[in-house]
C-alpha atoms as a PDB file:
ATOM      1  CA  UNK A   1     -84.149 -33.481  48.991  1.00  0.00           C
ATOM      2  CA  UNK A   2     -81.441 -32.790  46.470  1.00  0.00           C
ATOM      3  CA  UNK A   3     -81.344 -30.057  44.022  1.00  0.00           C
ATOM      4  CA  UNK A   4     -80.474 -30.658  40.649  1.00  0.00           C
ATOM      5  CA  UNK A   5     -78.756 -28.950  37.687  1.00  0.00           C
ATOM      6  CA  UNK A   6     -79.825 -29.186  34.409  1.00  0.00           C
ATOM      7  CA  UNK A   7     -79.015 -26.952  31.182  1.00  0.00           C
ATOM      8  CA  UNK A   8     -80.862 -27.244  27.755  1.00  0.00           C
ATOM      9  CA  UNK A   9     -78.992 -28.559  24.576  1.00  0.00           C
ATOM     10  CA  UNK A  10     -80.433 -26.146  22.453  1.00  0.00           C
ATOM     11  CA  UNK A  11     -81.108 -22.710  24.317  1.00  0.00           C
ATOM     12  CA  UNK A  12     -78.671 -23.303  27.237  1.00  0.00           C
ATOM     13  CA  UNK A  13     -81.023 -22.384  29.677  1.00  0.00           C
ATOM     14  CA  UNK A  14     -80.028 -23.252  33.082  1.00  0.00           C
ATOM     15  CA  UNK A  15     -82.319 -24.225  36.233  1.00  0.00           C
ATOM     16  CA  UNK A  16     -82.539 -26.051  39.385  1.00  0.00           C
ATOM     17  CA  UNK A  17     -85.066 -28.411  40.243  1.00  0.00           C
ATOM     18  CA  UNK A  18     -85.482 -29.714  43.978  1.00  0.00           C
ATOM     19  CA  UNK A  19     -86.188 -33.789  43.612  1.00  0.00           C
ATOM     20  CA  UNK A  20     -86.454 -36.827  45.465  1.00  0.00           C
ATOM     21  CA  UNK A  21     -83.245 -39.201  44.260  1.00  0.00           C
ATOM     22  CA  UNK A  22     -85.755 -41.636  43.471  1.00  0.00           C
ATOM     23  CA  UNK A  23     -87.747 -39.259  40.581  1.00  0.00           C
ATOM     24  CA  UNK A  24     -86.634 -39.600  36.988  1.00  0.00           C
ATOM     25  CA  UNK A  25     -84.357 -36.606  35.923  1.00  0.00           C
ATOM     26  CA  UNK A  26     -86.254 -33.865  33.817  1.00  0.00           C
ATOM     27  CA  UNK A  27     -86.254 -34.526  29.979  1.00  0.00           C
ATOM     28  CA  UNK A  28     -87.412 -31.145  28.541  1.00  0.00           C
ATOM     29  CA  UNK A  29     -86.562 -27.906  28.892  1.00  0.00           C
ATOM     30  CA  UNK A  30     -89.242 -25.879  30.653  1.00  0.00           C
ATOM     31  CA  UNK A  31     -88.027 -22.691  28.097  1.00  0.00           C
ATOM     32  CA  UNK A  32     -88.499 -24.208  24.307  1.00  0.00           C
ATOM     33  CA  UNK A  33     -89.293 -28.061  25.545  1.00  0.00           C
ATOM     34  CA  UNK A  34     -85.729 -29.470  23.820  1.00  0.00           C
ATOM     35  CA  UNK A  35     -83.898 -31.736  25.556  1.00  0.00           C
ATOM     36  CA  UNK A  36     -82.084 -31.165  28.789  1.00  0.00           C
ATOM     37  CA  UNK A  37     -78.840 -32.504  30.320  1.00  0.00           C
ATOM     38  CA  UNK A  38     -78.255 -32.979  34.528  1.00  0.00           C
ATOM     39  CA  UNK A  39     -75.071 -31.544  35.416  1.00  0.00           C
ATOM     40  CA  UNK A  40     -72.689 -32.511  38.369  1.00  0.00           C
ATOM     41  CA  UNK A  41     -72.664 -29.962  40.729  1.00  0.00           C
ATOM     42  CA  UNK A  42     -70.285 -29.105  44.199  1.00  0.00           C
ATOM     43  CA  UNK A  43     -73.392 -29.169  45.850  1.00  0.00           C
ATOM     44  CA  UNK A  44     -74.194 -26.462  48.670  1.00  0.00           C
ATOM     45  CA  UNK A  45     -71.789 -27.393  51.041  1.00  0.00           C
ATOM     46  CA  UNK A  46     -73.001 -25.696  54.572  1.00  0.00           C
ATOM     47  CA  UNK A  47     -75.336 -22.703  54.769  1.00  0.00           C
ATOM     48  CA  UNK A  48     -75.342 -20.687  57.647  1.00  0.00           C
ATOM     49  CA  UNK A  49     -78.538 -19.132  58.615  1.00  0.00           C
ATOM     50  CA  UNK A  50     -79.631 -16.338  61.523  1.00  0.00           C
ATOM     51  CA  UNK A  51     -77.920 -14.245  63.897  1.00  0.00           C
ATOM     52  CA  UNK A  52     -74.953 -15.793  64.835  1.00  0.00           C
ATOM     53  CA  UNK A  53     -73.387 -18.899  66.537  1.00  0.00           C
ATOM     54  CA  UNK A  54     -72.009 -18.779  69.884  1.00  0.00           C
ATOM     55  CA  UNK A  55     -70.039 -21.529  71.958  1.00  0.00           C
ATOM     56  CA  UNK A  56     -73.598 -21.360  74.138  1.00  0.00           C
ATOM     57  CA  UNK A  57     -75.731 -22.630  71.397  1.00  0.00           C
ATOM     58  CA  UNK A  58     -74.098 -26.154  72.402  1.00  0.00           C
ATOM     59  CA  UNK A  59     -74.856 -28.548  75.226  1.00  0.00           C
ATOM     60  CA  UNK A  60     -71.495 -29.391  76.626  1.00  0.00           C
ATOM     61  CA  UNK A  61     -70.784 -31.541  79.926  1.00  0.00           C
ATOM     62  CA  UNK A  62     -71.194 -28.725  82.952  1.00  0.00           C
ATOM     63  CA  UNK A  63     -67.708 -30.381  83.966  1.00  0.00           C
ATOM     64  CA  UNK A  64     -66.293 -29.099  81.000  1.00  0.00           C
ATOM     65  CA  UNK A  65     -67.660 -25.771  81.586  1.00  0.00           C
ATOM     66  CA  UNK A  66     -66.519 -23.819  84.197  1.00  0.00           C
ATOM     67  CA  UNK A  67     -69.407 -21.825  86.467  1.00  0.00           C
ATOM     68  CA  UNK A  68     -69.655 -17.975  87.158  1.00  0.00           C
ATOM     69  CA  UNK A  69     -72.095 -18.849  89.537  1.00  0.00           C
ATOM     70  CA  UNK A  70     -71.320 -19.084  92.629  1.00  0.00           C
ATOM     71  CA  UNK A  71     -72.019 -22.964  94.138  1.00  0.00           C
ATOM     72  CA  UNK A  72     -74.960 -23.232  96.749  1.00  0.00           C
ATOM     73  CA  UNK A  73     -72.342 -24.402  99.649  1.00  0.00           C
ATOM     74  CA  UNK A  74     -69.989 -21.267  98.841  1.00  0.00           C
ATOM     75  CA  UNK A  75     -73.342 -19.120  99.824  1.00  0.00           C
ATOM     76  CA  UNK A  76     -73.931 -21.185 102.818  1.00  0.00           C
ATOM     77  CA  UNK A  77     -69.981 -20.766 104.277  1.00  0.00           C
ATOM     78  CA  UNK A  78     -70.467 -16.635 103.397  1.00  0.00           C
ATOM     79  CA  UNK A  79     -73.753 -16.417 105.043  1.00  0.00           C
ATOM     80  CA  UNK A  80     -72.366 -18.184 108.199  1.00  0.00           C
ATOM     81  CA  UNK A  81     -69.359 -15.841 108.138  1.00  0.00           C
ATOM     82  CA  UNK A  82     -71.308 -12.788 107.588  1.00  0.00           C
ATOM     83  CA  UNK A  83     -73.197 -14.335 111.015  1.00  0.00           C
ATOM     84  CA  UNK A  84     -70.001 -14.704 113.174  1.00  0.00           C
ATOM     85  CA  UNK A  85     -69.110 -11.395 111.909  1.00  0.00           C
ATOM     86  CA  UNK A  86     -72.426  -9.246 113.278  1.00  0.00           C
ATOM     87  CA  UNK A  87     -72.009 -11.434 116.372  1.00  0.00           C
ATOM     88  CA  UNK A  88     -68.516 -10.163 117.050  1.00  0.00           C
ATOM     89  CA  UNK A  89     -69.516  -6.849 116.757  1.00  0.00           C
ATOM     90  CA  UNK A  90     -72.516  -6.600 118.716  1.00  0.00           C
END
């Protein structure tokens, strides 16, 4: 829902209201009851909330992110090499 800004033409009270786009604009000031006009606002833009944003927050293809973990085939090859070394030492 968008936030609309209003200002009273009499007492200059400035306020915001969350409304559906299909709702009729507010006509009376909540403070004095006189006529208000809806203002054109810039909008809020992006609001970042939370502790932070990191590259790991967004899912990417596994091909585009290099893995730091060794692959299973590398682990098996290393195990075979270790076994061969231990056999030679015995």
